[in-house]
N, C-alpha and C. Protein backbone atom coordinates (compact mmCIF):
# COMPACT_ATOMS: atom_id res chain seq x y z
N MET A 1 -1.90 -11.29 -46.59
CA MET A 1 -2.84 -10.31 -46.06
C MET A 1 -3.92 -11.00 -45.22
N GLU A 2 -4.47 -12.08 -45.76
CA GLU A 2 -5.51 -12.84 -45.07
C GLU A 2 -4.98 -13.42 -43.75
N GLU A 3 -3.74 -13.92 -43.81
CA GLU A 3 -3.13 -14.50 -42.62
C GLU A 3 -2.91 -13.43 -41.55
N ARG A 4 -2.50 -12.25 -41.96
CA ARG A 4 -2.28 -11.14 -41.03
C ARG A 4 -3.59 -10.73 -40.36
N ARG A 5 -4.67 -10.67 -41.12
CA ARG A 5 -5.98 -10.32 -40.59
C ARG A 5 -6.45 -11.37 -39.58
N ALA A 6 -6.24 -12.63 -39.89
CA ALA A 6 -6.62 -13.72 -38.99
C ALA A 6 -5.81 -13.63 -37.68
N GLN A 7 -4.53 -13.31 -37.80
CA GLN A 7 -3.67 -13.15 -36.62
C GLN A 7 -4.13 -11.98 -35.77
N ASP A 8 -4.48 -10.86 -36.38
CA ASP A 8 -4.99 -9.69 -35.66
C ASP A 8 -6.29 -10.02 -34.94
N ASN A 9 -7.18 -10.72 -35.62
CA ASN A 9 -8.45 -11.12 -35.00
C ASN A 9 -8.21 -12.05 -33.81
N PHE A 10 -7.28 -12.97 -33.97
CA PHE A 10 -6.93 -13.90 -32.89
C PHE A 10 -6.41 -13.12 -31.68
N GLN A 11 -5.49 -12.18 -31.91
CA GLN A 11 -4.92 -11.38 -30.83
C GLN A 11 -5.99 -10.53 -30.13
N ARG A 12 -6.89 -9.93 -30.91
CA ARG A 12 -7.98 -9.13 -30.36
C ARG A 12 -8.89 -9.98 -29.46
N GLU A 13 -9.23 -11.15 -29.95
CA GLU A 13 -10.09 -12.06 -29.19
C GLU A 13 -9.38 -12.54 -27.92
N ARG A 14 -8.10 -12.78 -28.02
CA ARG A 14 -7.32 -13.20 -26.86
C ARG A 14 -7.31 -12.11 -25.79
N ARG A 15 -7.08 -10.86 -26.19
CA ARG A 15 -7.09 -9.74 -25.24
C ARG A 15 -8.46 -9.58 -24.60
N ARG A 16 -9.52 -9.74 -25.40
CA ARG A 16 -10.88 -9.61 -24.89
C ARG A 16 -11.16 -10.70 -23.85
N THR A 17 -10.75 -11.91 -24.15
CA THR A 17 -10.94 -13.04 -23.22
C THR A 17 -10.14 -12.83 -21.94
N GLU A 18 -8.90 -12.38 -22.07
CA GLU A 18 -8.07 -12.13 -20.89
C GLU A 18 -8.68 -11.04 -20.02
N GLN A 19 -9.21 -9.97 -20.64
CA GLN A 19 -9.84 -8.89 -19.88
C GLN A 19 -11.10 -9.38 -19.18
N ALA A 20 -11.89 -10.19 -19.86
CA ALA A 20 -13.10 -10.74 -19.24
C ALA A 20 -12.73 -11.63 -18.04
N THR A 21 -11.67 -12.40 -18.18
CA THR A 21 -11.22 -13.26 -17.09
C THR A 21 -10.74 -12.42 -15.90
N LEU A 22 -9.98 -11.37 -16.17
CA LEU A 22 -9.52 -10.46 -15.12
C LEU A 22 -10.70 -9.79 -14.43
N ASN A 23 -11.65 -9.30 -15.21
CA ASN A 23 -12.84 -8.66 -14.63
C ASN A 23 -13.59 -9.61 -13.71
N GLN A 24 -13.74 -10.86 -14.15
CA GLN A 24 -14.43 -11.85 -13.33
C GLN A 24 -13.66 -12.13 -12.05
N ALA A 25 -12.34 -12.19 -12.14
CA ALA A 25 -11.51 -12.44 -10.96
C ALA A 25 -11.65 -11.31 -9.95
N ILE A 26 -11.70 -10.07 -10.43
CA ILE A 26 -11.86 -8.93 -9.53
C ILE A 26 -13.24 -8.96 -8.88
N THR A 27 -14.26 -9.22 -9.66
CA THR A 27 -15.62 -9.30 -9.12
C THR A 27 -15.72 -10.42 -8.09
N ASP A 28 -15.15 -11.56 -8.38
CA ASP A 28 -15.16 -12.69 -7.44
C ASP A 28 -14.40 -12.34 -6.16
N ALA A 29 -13.27 -11.64 -6.31
CA ALA A 29 -12.47 -11.25 -5.14
C ALA A 29 -13.27 -10.30 -4.25
N TRP A 30 -14.00 -9.35 -4.86
CA TRP A 30 -14.80 -8.42 -4.07
C TRP A 30 -15.91 -9.18 -3.34
N ASP A 31 -16.56 -10.09 -4.02
CA ASP A 31 -17.63 -10.88 -3.40
C ASP A 31 -17.08 -11.69 -2.22
N ARG A 32 -15.91 -12.29 -2.39
CA ARG A 32 -15.28 -13.05 -1.30
C ARG A 32 -14.93 -12.13 -0.13
N TYR A 33 -14.41 -10.95 -0.44
CA TYR A 33 -14.03 -9.97 0.57
C TYR A 33 -15.25 -9.61 1.44
N GLU A 34 -16.34 -9.27 0.80
CA GLU A 34 -17.56 -8.90 1.53
C GLU A 34 -18.11 -10.10 2.31
N ALA A 35 -18.12 -11.27 1.69
CA ALA A 35 -18.64 -12.47 2.35
C ALA A 35 -17.80 -12.82 3.58
N ARG A 36 -16.49 -12.67 3.47
CA ARG A 36 -15.62 -12.99 4.60
C ARG A 36 -15.81 -12.00 5.75
N TRP A 37 -16.03 -10.72 5.41
CA TRP A 37 -16.32 -9.75 6.48
C TRP A 37 -17.63 -10.11 7.16
N ASN A 38 -18.64 -10.47 6.39
CA ASN A 38 -19.92 -10.86 6.98
C ASN A 38 -19.77 -12.10 7.85
N LYS A 39 -18.95 -13.05 7.41
CA LYS A 39 -18.73 -14.26 8.20
C LYS A 39 -18.02 -13.93 9.51
N ILE A 40 -17.02 -13.05 9.44
CA ILE A 40 -16.29 -12.67 10.65
C ILE A 40 -17.24 -12.01 11.66
N LYS A 41 -18.14 -11.17 11.18
CA LYS A 41 -19.11 -10.52 12.07
C LYS A 41 -20.00 -11.53 12.77
N SER A 42 -20.29 -12.64 12.09
CA SER A 42 -21.22 -13.63 12.65
C SER A 42 -20.53 -14.73 13.45
N LEU A 43 -19.19 -14.74 13.48
CA LEU A 43 -18.47 -15.78 14.22
C LEU A 43 -18.68 -15.61 15.72
N GLU A 44 -18.61 -16.71 16.39
CA GLU A 44 -18.66 -16.69 17.85
C GLU A 44 -17.39 -16.04 18.37
N VAL A 45 -17.46 -15.51 19.56
CA VAL A 45 -16.33 -14.79 20.15
C VAL A 45 -15.10 -15.67 20.27
N ASP A 46 -15.28 -16.96 20.52
CA ASP A 46 -14.10 -17.81 20.69
C ASP A 46 -13.62 -18.48 19.41
N ASP A 47 -14.21 -18.16 18.25
CA ASP A 47 -13.71 -18.68 16.98
C ASP A 47 -12.39 -18.00 16.66
N THR A 48 -11.42 -18.79 16.22
CA THR A 48 -10.07 -18.28 15.97
C THR A 48 -9.90 -17.85 14.52
N LEU A 49 -9.20 -16.75 14.33
CA LEU A 49 -8.85 -16.26 13.00
C LEU A 49 -7.36 -16.49 12.76
N THR A 50 -6.98 -16.59 11.50
CA THR A 50 -5.58 -16.72 11.12
C THR A 50 -5.24 -15.60 10.13
N PHE A 51 -3.96 -15.48 9.83
CA PHE A 51 -3.55 -14.47 8.85
C PHE A 51 -4.30 -14.66 7.53
N CYS A 52 -4.41 -15.90 7.08
CA CYS A 52 -5.04 -16.18 5.79
C CYS A 52 -6.57 -16.08 5.83
N SER A 53 -7.17 -16.12 7.00
CA SER A 53 -8.63 -16.00 7.07
C SER A 53 -9.10 -14.55 7.16
N ILE A 54 -8.17 -13.63 7.34
CA ILE A 54 -8.51 -12.20 7.36
C ILE A 54 -8.87 -11.79 5.93
N PRO A 55 -9.97 -11.05 5.75
CA PRO A 55 -10.34 -10.62 4.39
C PRO A 55 -9.55 -9.36 3.97
N TRP A 56 -8.34 -9.57 3.58
CA TRP A 56 -7.47 -8.47 3.16
C TRP A 56 -8.05 -7.81 1.90
N PRO A 57 -7.92 -6.50 1.77
CA PRO A 57 -8.49 -5.80 0.60
C PRO A 57 -7.60 -5.94 -0.64
N LEU A 58 -7.55 -7.16 -1.16
CA LEU A 58 -6.68 -7.50 -2.29
C LEU A 58 -7.43 -8.47 -3.20
N THR A 59 -7.00 -8.55 -4.44
CA THR A 59 -7.63 -9.49 -5.36
C THR A 59 -7.12 -10.92 -5.12
N TYR A 60 -6.11 -11.08 -4.31
CA TYR A 60 -5.50 -12.37 -4.02
C TYR A 60 -5.41 -12.53 -2.50
N VAL A 61 -5.24 -13.75 -2.05
CA VAL A 61 -5.07 -14.02 -0.62
C VAL A 61 -3.57 -14.00 -0.32
N PRO A 62 -3.14 -13.03 0.49
CA PRO A 62 -1.70 -12.97 0.79
C PRO A 62 -1.28 -14.11 1.71
N LYS A 63 -0.09 -14.59 1.50
CA LYS A 63 0.46 -15.66 2.34
C LYS A 63 1.24 -15.09 3.51
N SER A 64 1.73 -13.84 3.34
CA SER A 64 2.52 -13.20 4.40
C SER A 64 2.39 -11.68 4.24
N ILE A 65 2.94 -10.98 5.18
CA ILE A 65 2.90 -9.52 5.18
C ILE A 65 3.55 -8.93 3.94
N GLU A 66 4.54 -9.61 3.40
CA GLU A 66 5.25 -9.13 2.21
C GLU A 66 4.35 -9.10 0.97
N ASP A 67 3.24 -9.82 1.02
CA ASP A 67 2.31 -9.87 -0.11
C ASP A 67 1.29 -8.74 -0.11
N ILE A 68 1.32 -7.89 0.91
CA ILE A 68 0.35 -6.79 1.01
C ILE A 68 1.02 -5.51 0.51
N HIS A 69 0.58 -5.02 -0.66
CA HIS A 69 1.18 -3.85 -1.29
C HIS A 69 0.15 -2.75 -1.46
N PRO A 70 0.52 -1.51 -1.16
CA PRO A 70 -0.43 -0.39 -1.30
C PRO A 70 -1.04 -0.27 -2.69
N HIS A 71 -0.25 -0.47 -3.75
CA HIS A 71 -0.82 -0.33 -5.09
C HIS A 71 -1.86 -1.42 -5.36
N ALA A 72 -1.68 -2.60 -4.78
CA ALA A 72 -2.67 -3.68 -4.95
C ALA A 72 -3.95 -3.38 -4.17
N ILE A 73 -3.82 -2.73 -3.03
CA ILE A 73 -4.99 -2.32 -2.25
C ILE A 73 -5.78 -1.27 -3.03
N ALA A 74 -5.09 -0.28 -3.57
CA ALA A 74 -5.75 0.76 -4.36
C ALA A 74 -6.43 0.16 -5.60
N PHE A 75 -5.76 -0.73 -6.28
CA PHE A 75 -6.32 -1.39 -7.45
C PHE A 75 -7.63 -2.10 -7.09
N PHE A 76 -7.61 -2.83 -6.00
CA PHE A 76 -8.78 -3.58 -5.54
C PHE A 76 -9.91 -2.63 -5.12
N LEU A 77 -9.57 -1.66 -4.31
CA LEU A 77 -10.57 -0.76 -3.75
C LEU A 77 -11.23 0.12 -4.81
N PHE A 78 -10.46 0.56 -5.80
CA PHE A 78 -10.98 1.50 -6.79
C PHE A 78 -11.46 0.85 -8.08
N SER A 79 -11.54 -0.46 -8.10
CA SER A 79 -12.02 -1.14 -9.31
C SER A 79 -13.41 -0.65 -9.68
N PRO A 80 -13.65 -0.39 -10.96
CA PRO A 80 -14.98 0.04 -11.39
C PRO A 80 -15.98 -1.11 -11.46
N LEU A 81 -15.54 -2.31 -11.09
CA LEU A 81 -16.39 -3.49 -11.20
C LEU A 81 -17.23 -3.76 -9.95
N HIS A 82 -17.10 -2.90 -8.95
CA HIS A 82 -17.92 -3.03 -7.74
C HIS A 82 -18.16 -1.64 -7.16
N SER A 83 -19.13 -1.52 -6.31
CA SER A 83 -19.42 -0.29 -5.56
C SER A 83 -19.53 0.94 -6.44
N GLN A 84 -20.17 0.78 -7.60
CA GLN A 84 -20.27 1.90 -8.54
C GLN A 84 -21.00 3.11 -7.95
N ASP A 85 -21.83 2.87 -6.94
CA ASP A 85 -22.58 3.97 -6.33
C ASP A 85 -21.77 4.76 -5.31
N GLN A 86 -20.52 4.38 -5.09
CA GLN A 86 -19.67 5.07 -4.12
C GLN A 86 -18.51 5.78 -4.82
N SER A 87 -18.21 6.97 -4.34
CA SER A 87 -17.04 7.69 -4.83
C SER A 87 -15.78 7.05 -4.24
N LYS A 88 -14.64 7.44 -4.75
CA LYS A 88 -13.38 6.92 -4.19
C LYS A 88 -13.29 7.25 -2.71
N LYS A 89 -13.63 8.48 -2.36
CA LYS A 89 -13.56 8.90 -0.97
C LYS A 89 -14.48 8.04 -0.09
N GLU A 90 -15.67 7.75 -0.57
CA GLU A 90 -16.60 6.91 0.20
C GLU A 90 -16.05 5.49 0.36
N ARG A 91 -15.45 4.97 -0.68
CA ARG A 91 -14.86 3.63 -0.60
C ARG A 91 -13.74 3.59 0.43
N ILE A 92 -12.93 4.63 0.44
CA ILE A 92 -11.82 4.70 1.41
C ILE A 92 -12.37 4.78 2.83
N ARG A 93 -13.35 5.63 3.04
CA ARG A 93 -13.91 5.78 4.39
C ARG A 93 -14.57 4.50 4.88
N THR A 94 -15.27 3.81 3.99
CA THR A 94 -15.88 2.54 4.36
C THR A 94 -14.79 1.54 4.78
N ALA A 95 -13.72 1.49 4.00
CA ALA A 95 -12.62 0.58 4.32
C ALA A 95 -11.95 0.99 5.64
N LEU A 96 -11.78 2.30 5.85
CA LEU A 96 -11.15 2.75 7.10
C LEU A 96 -11.97 2.36 8.32
N LEU A 97 -13.29 2.34 8.18
CA LEU A 97 -14.12 1.91 9.31
C LEU A 97 -13.83 0.46 9.69
N ARG A 98 -13.51 -0.36 8.71
CA ARG A 98 -13.18 -1.76 8.99
C ARG A 98 -11.76 -1.92 9.50
N TRP A 99 -10.84 -1.17 8.91
CA TRP A 99 -9.42 -1.43 9.14
C TRP A 99 -8.77 -0.55 10.20
N HIS A 100 -9.47 0.43 10.71
CA HIS A 100 -8.85 1.30 11.73
C HIS A 100 -8.38 0.44 12.89
N PRO A 101 -7.14 0.62 13.33
CA PRO A 101 -6.59 -0.24 14.38
C PRO A 101 -7.44 -0.30 15.66
N ASP A 102 -8.08 0.79 16.04
CA ASP A 102 -8.91 0.76 17.24
C ASP A 102 -10.09 -0.19 17.06
N ARG A 103 -10.71 -0.14 15.90
CA ARG A 103 -11.85 -1.01 15.64
C ARG A 103 -11.40 -2.45 15.36
N PHE A 104 -10.32 -2.59 14.61
CA PHE A 104 -9.83 -3.92 14.27
C PHE A 104 -9.27 -4.62 15.50
N GLY A 105 -8.89 -3.84 16.51
CA GLY A 105 -8.33 -4.41 17.73
C GLY A 105 -9.23 -5.45 18.37
N ARG A 106 -10.54 -5.28 18.22
CA ARG A 106 -11.48 -6.26 18.78
C ARG A 106 -11.31 -7.62 18.10
N LEU A 107 -11.01 -7.59 16.81
CA LEU A 107 -10.79 -8.85 16.09
C LEU A 107 -9.42 -9.44 16.38
N LEU A 108 -8.47 -8.57 16.66
CA LEU A 108 -7.10 -9.02 16.89
C LEU A 108 -7.02 -10.01 18.04
N ASP A 109 -7.88 -9.84 19.03
CA ASP A 109 -7.89 -10.77 20.16
C ASP A 109 -8.29 -12.18 19.73
N ARG A 110 -8.96 -12.31 18.59
CA ARG A 110 -9.43 -13.62 18.11
C ARG A 110 -8.44 -14.26 17.14
N VAL A 111 -7.35 -13.56 16.83
CA VAL A 111 -6.34 -14.09 15.89
C VAL A 111 -5.42 -15.05 16.63
N GLN A 112 -5.12 -16.16 15.98
CA GLN A 112 -4.18 -17.14 16.51
C GLN A 112 -2.92 -16.44 16.99
N ALA A 113 -2.40 -16.83 18.13
CA ALA A 113 -1.25 -16.16 18.74
C ALA A 113 -0.06 -16.08 17.79
N ASP A 114 0.23 -17.15 17.05
CA ASP A 114 1.41 -17.13 16.18
C ASP A 114 1.21 -16.29 14.92
N ASP A 115 -0.01 -15.87 14.62
CA ASP A 115 -0.29 -14.99 13.47
C ASP A 115 -0.54 -13.54 13.88
N ARG A 116 -0.68 -13.32 15.17
CA ARG A 116 -1.11 -12.00 15.66
C ARG A 116 -0.19 -10.87 15.22
N ASP A 117 1.11 -11.03 15.34
CA ASP A 117 2.04 -9.96 14.96
C ASP A 117 1.93 -9.63 13.47
N ALA A 118 1.84 -10.67 12.64
CA ALA A 118 1.74 -10.46 11.19
C ALA A 118 0.42 -9.77 10.85
N VAL A 119 -0.66 -10.17 11.50
CA VAL A 119 -1.96 -9.53 11.24
C VAL A 119 -1.92 -8.07 11.67
N GLU A 120 -1.36 -7.82 12.83
CA GLU A 120 -1.27 -6.44 13.33
C GLU A 120 -0.43 -5.58 12.37
N GLU A 121 0.67 -6.13 11.89
CA GLU A 121 1.50 -5.40 10.93
C GLU A 121 0.75 -5.19 9.61
N GLY A 122 0.03 -6.20 9.16
CA GLY A 122 -0.77 -6.09 7.94
C GLY A 122 -1.85 -5.04 8.06
N VAL A 123 -2.51 -4.99 9.20
CA VAL A 123 -3.53 -3.96 9.45
C VAL A 123 -2.89 -2.58 9.38
N GLY A 124 -1.67 -2.46 9.91
CA GLY A 124 -0.95 -1.18 9.83
C GLY A 124 -0.67 -0.78 8.39
N VAL A 125 -0.25 -1.73 7.57
CA VAL A 125 0.01 -1.45 6.15
C VAL A 125 -1.27 -0.99 5.46
N VAL A 126 -2.36 -1.72 5.70
CA VAL A 126 -3.64 -1.37 5.07
C VAL A 126 -4.10 0.01 5.53
N THR A 127 -4.02 0.28 6.82
CA THR A 127 -4.48 1.56 7.35
C THR A 127 -3.65 2.72 6.81
N ARG A 128 -2.32 2.55 6.78
CA ARG A 128 -1.47 3.62 6.22
C ARG A 128 -1.81 3.87 4.75
N CYS A 129 -2.01 2.80 4.01
CA CYS A 129 -2.37 2.94 2.60
C CYS A 129 -3.69 3.70 2.46
N LEU A 130 -4.69 3.31 3.24
CA LEU A 130 -5.99 3.97 3.17
C LEU A 130 -5.89 5.44 3.56
N ASN A 131 -5.11 5.74 4.59
CA ASN A 131 -4.92 7.15 4.98
C ASN A 131 -4.22 7.93 3.88
N ASP A 132 -3.22 7.33 3.24
CA ASP A 132 -2.53 7.99 2.12
C ASP A 132 -3.50 8.22 0.96
N LEU A 133 -4.33 7.23 0.66
CA LEU A 133 -5.32 7.38 -0.41
C LEU A 133 -6.32 8.47 -0.08
N LEU A 134 -6.74 8.55 1.17
CA LEU A 134 -7.69 9.58 1.59
C LEU A 134 -7.06 10.97 1.47
N THR A 135 -5.80 11.09 1.87
CA THR A 135 -5.10 12.36 1.75
C THR A 135 -5.00 12.78 0.28
N THR A 136 -4.65 11.83 -0.57
CA THR A 136 -4.55 12.10 -2.01
C THR A 136 -5.90 12.52 -2.57
N GLU A 137 -6.95 11.86 -2.14
CA GLU A 137 -8.29 12.13 -2.64
C GLU A 137 -8.80 13.51 -2.17
N GLN A 138 -8.35 13.93 -0.99
CA GLN A 138 -8.82 15.21 -0.43
C GLN A 138 -7.99 16.39 -0.89
N SER A 139 -6.78 16.14 -1.38
CA SER A 139 -5.92 17.26 -1.78
C SER A 139 -6.48 17.90 -3.06
N PRO A 140 -6.45 19.22 -3.10
CA PRO A 140 -6.98 19.92 -4.29
C PRO A 140 -6.11 19.65 -5.51
N GLU A 141 -6.78 19.60 -6.65
CA GLU A 141 -6.07 19.41 -7.92
C GLU A 141 -5.19 20.62 -8.18
N LEU A 142 -4.02 20.36 -8.71
CA LEU A 142 -3.11 21.47 -9.03
C LEU A 142 -3.47 22.08 -10.36
């Protein structure tokens, strides 16, 4: 009985530690995301961007277009660990202002030529995901 209780306590503590680690990772990812956007805004016009230097809305840095998934974007964007003062709809609209192809097009000119197609495709994935999320958020509950 004592051994079982100790095992349960160990498992509970392990889950708590894992959750705290995940929460910190998400918070750190959001801070990096915002910092990278601020850095991009302050870069000189002739500074070059790469696929990996784009602040993708993900908890991880994607290595290729295949690493950008709509469910991962939603997970990152809707985390309760940041932007608590914004509704889901506000978070989506803020992201759309950054990722809309017309607006992002200005940055695309600064992307390294060999990464440009992948970045453009990635921006398309992000924008479609954000538009889908906005549609879902605006649709009336059944």
